[in-house]
Amino acid sequence: MTLTDLLRSLEQGRFYGTLELRYESGRIVLAKRCESLKLSEQDYRNNRGEADEHKR
C-alpha cells in the first residue's frame, strides 16, 4: 500500500485520529495510525455500565 492509497482510504473511511510518519534519510519508512472513537451523546454510560439519564 502506498502512502497515497493510505491517505485516500482514511479520508473515504472518515478516519478520526492521528497519523504519525517516521522518516529515515528523508524518506517515509513507517506510518503509524492511532484511531479515536468519538461517541455520540446517546452512547455515554455511567461507571456501572448503565445509560445515564440526561436531565435538561
C-alpha atoms as a PDB file:
ATOM      1  CA  MET A   1       0.000   0.000   0.000  1.00  0.00           C
ATOM      2  CA  THR A   2       1.357   3.401  -0.915  1.00  0.00           C
ATOM      3  CA  LEU A   3       1.033   6.488   1.267  1.00  0.00           C
ATOM      4  CA  THR A   4      -1.403   7.956  -1.263  1.00  0.00           C
ATOM      5  CA  ASP A   5      -3.590   4.843  -1.015  1.00  0.00           C
ATOM      6  CA  LEU A   6      -3.495   5.013   2.788  1.00  0.00           C
ATOM      7  CA  LEU A   7      -4.485   8.679   2.864  1.00  0.00           C
ATOM      8  CA  ARG A   8      -7.293   8.076   0.381  1.00  0.00           C
ATOM      9  CA  SER A   9      -8.690   5.162   2.424  1.00  0.00           C
ATOM     10  CA  LEU A  10      -8.527   7.181   5.662  1.00  0.00           C
ATOM     11  CA  GLU A  11     -10.400  10.041   4.017  1.00  0.00           C
ATOM     12  CA  GLN A  12     -13.057   7.792   2.495  1.00  0.00           C
ATOM     13  CA  GLY A  13     -13.499   5.948   5.786  1.00  0.00           C
ATOM     14  CA  ARG A  14     -13.969   9.249   7.647  1.00  0.00           C
ATOM     15  CA  PHE A  15     -10.920   8.471   9.846  1.00  0.00           C
ATOM     16  CA  TYR A  16     -10.823  10.273  13.195  1.00  0.00           C
ATOM     17  CA  GLY A  17      -7.417  10.158  14.863  1.00  0.00           C
ATOM     18  CA  THR A  18      -3.755  10.839  14.212  1.00  0.00           C
ATOM     19  CA  LEU A  19      -1.273   9.645  11.607  1.00  0.00           C
ATOM     20  CA  GLU A  20       2.427   9.614  12.539  1.00  0.00           C
ATOM     21  CA  LEU A  21       5.070   9.368   9.819  1.00  0.00           C
ATOM     22  CA  ARG A  22       8.614   8.147  10.526  1.00  0.00           C
ATOM     23  CA  TYR A  23      11.364   9.380   8.226  1.00  0.00           C
ATOM     24  CA  GLU A  24      14.851   7.953   7.643  1.00  0.00           C
ATOM     25  CA  SER A  25      17.253   9.780   5.338  1.00  0.00           C
ATOM     26  CA  GLY A  26      14.417  11.985   4.099  1.00  0.00           C
ATOM     27  CA  ARG A  27      12.160   9.061   3.136  1.00  0.00           C
ATOM     28  CA  ILE A  28       8.995   7.839   4.835  1.00  0.00           C
ATOM     29  CA  VAL A  29       9.686   4.361   6.202  1.00  0.00           C
ATOM     30  CA  LEU A  30       6.854   3.862   8.709  1.00  0.00           C
ATOM     31  CA  ALA A  31       3.316   5.146   9.130  1.00  0.00           C
ATOM     32  CA  LYS A  32       1.525   4.692  12.452  1.00  0.00           C
ATOM     33  CA  ARG A  33      -2.148   5.474  12.826  1.00  0.00           C
ATOM     34  CA  CYS A  34      -3.959   5.947  16.092  1.00  0.00           C
ATOM     35  CA  GLU A  35      -7.716   5.919  15.699  1.00  0.00           C
ATOM     36  CA  SER A  36     -10.005   7.619  18.185  1.00  0.00           C
ATOM     37  CA  LEU A  37     -13.633   6.785  18.764  1.00  0.00           C
ATOM     38  CA  LYS A  38     -15.894   9.775  19.057  1.00  0.00           C
ATOM     39  CA  LEU A  39     -19.009   8.800  20.973  1.00  0.00           C
ATOM     40  CA  SER A  40     -22.332  10.443  20.396  1.00  0.00           C
ATOM     41  CA  GLU A  41     -24.175  11.825  23.405  1.00  0.00           C
ATOM     42  CA  GLN A  42     -26.517   8.832  23.279  1.00  0.00           C
ATOM     43  CA  ASP A  43     -23.610   6.420  23.809  1.00  0.00           C
ATOM     44  CA  TYR A  44     -22.445   7.820  27.158  1.00  0.00           C
ATOM     45  CA  ARG A  45     -22.539   5.402  30.084  1.00  0.00           C
ATOM     46  CA  ASN A  46     -22.042   5.846  33.792  1.00  0.00           C
ATOM     47  CA  ASN A  47     -19.452   3.825  35.708  1.00  0.00           C
ATOM     48  CA  ARG A  48     -21.958   0.991  36.280  1.00  0.00           C
ATOM     49  CA  GLY A  49     -22.428   0.379  32.540  1.00  0.00           C
ATOM     50  CA  GLU A  50     -25.930   1.848  32.543  1.00  0.00           C
ATOM     51  CA  ALA A  51     -27.126   4.618  30.290  1.00  0.00           C
ATOM     52  CA  ASP A  52     -27.110   7.997  32.021  1.00  0.00           C
ATOM     53  CA  GLU A  53     -30.398   9.811  32.149  1.00  0.00           C
ATOM     54  CA  HIS A  54     -29.890  13.330  30.856  1.00  0.00           C
ATOM     55  CA  LYS A  55     -31.867  15.878  32.842  1.00  0.00           C
ATOM     56  CA  ARG A  56     -32.446  19.054  30.959  1.00  0.00           C
END
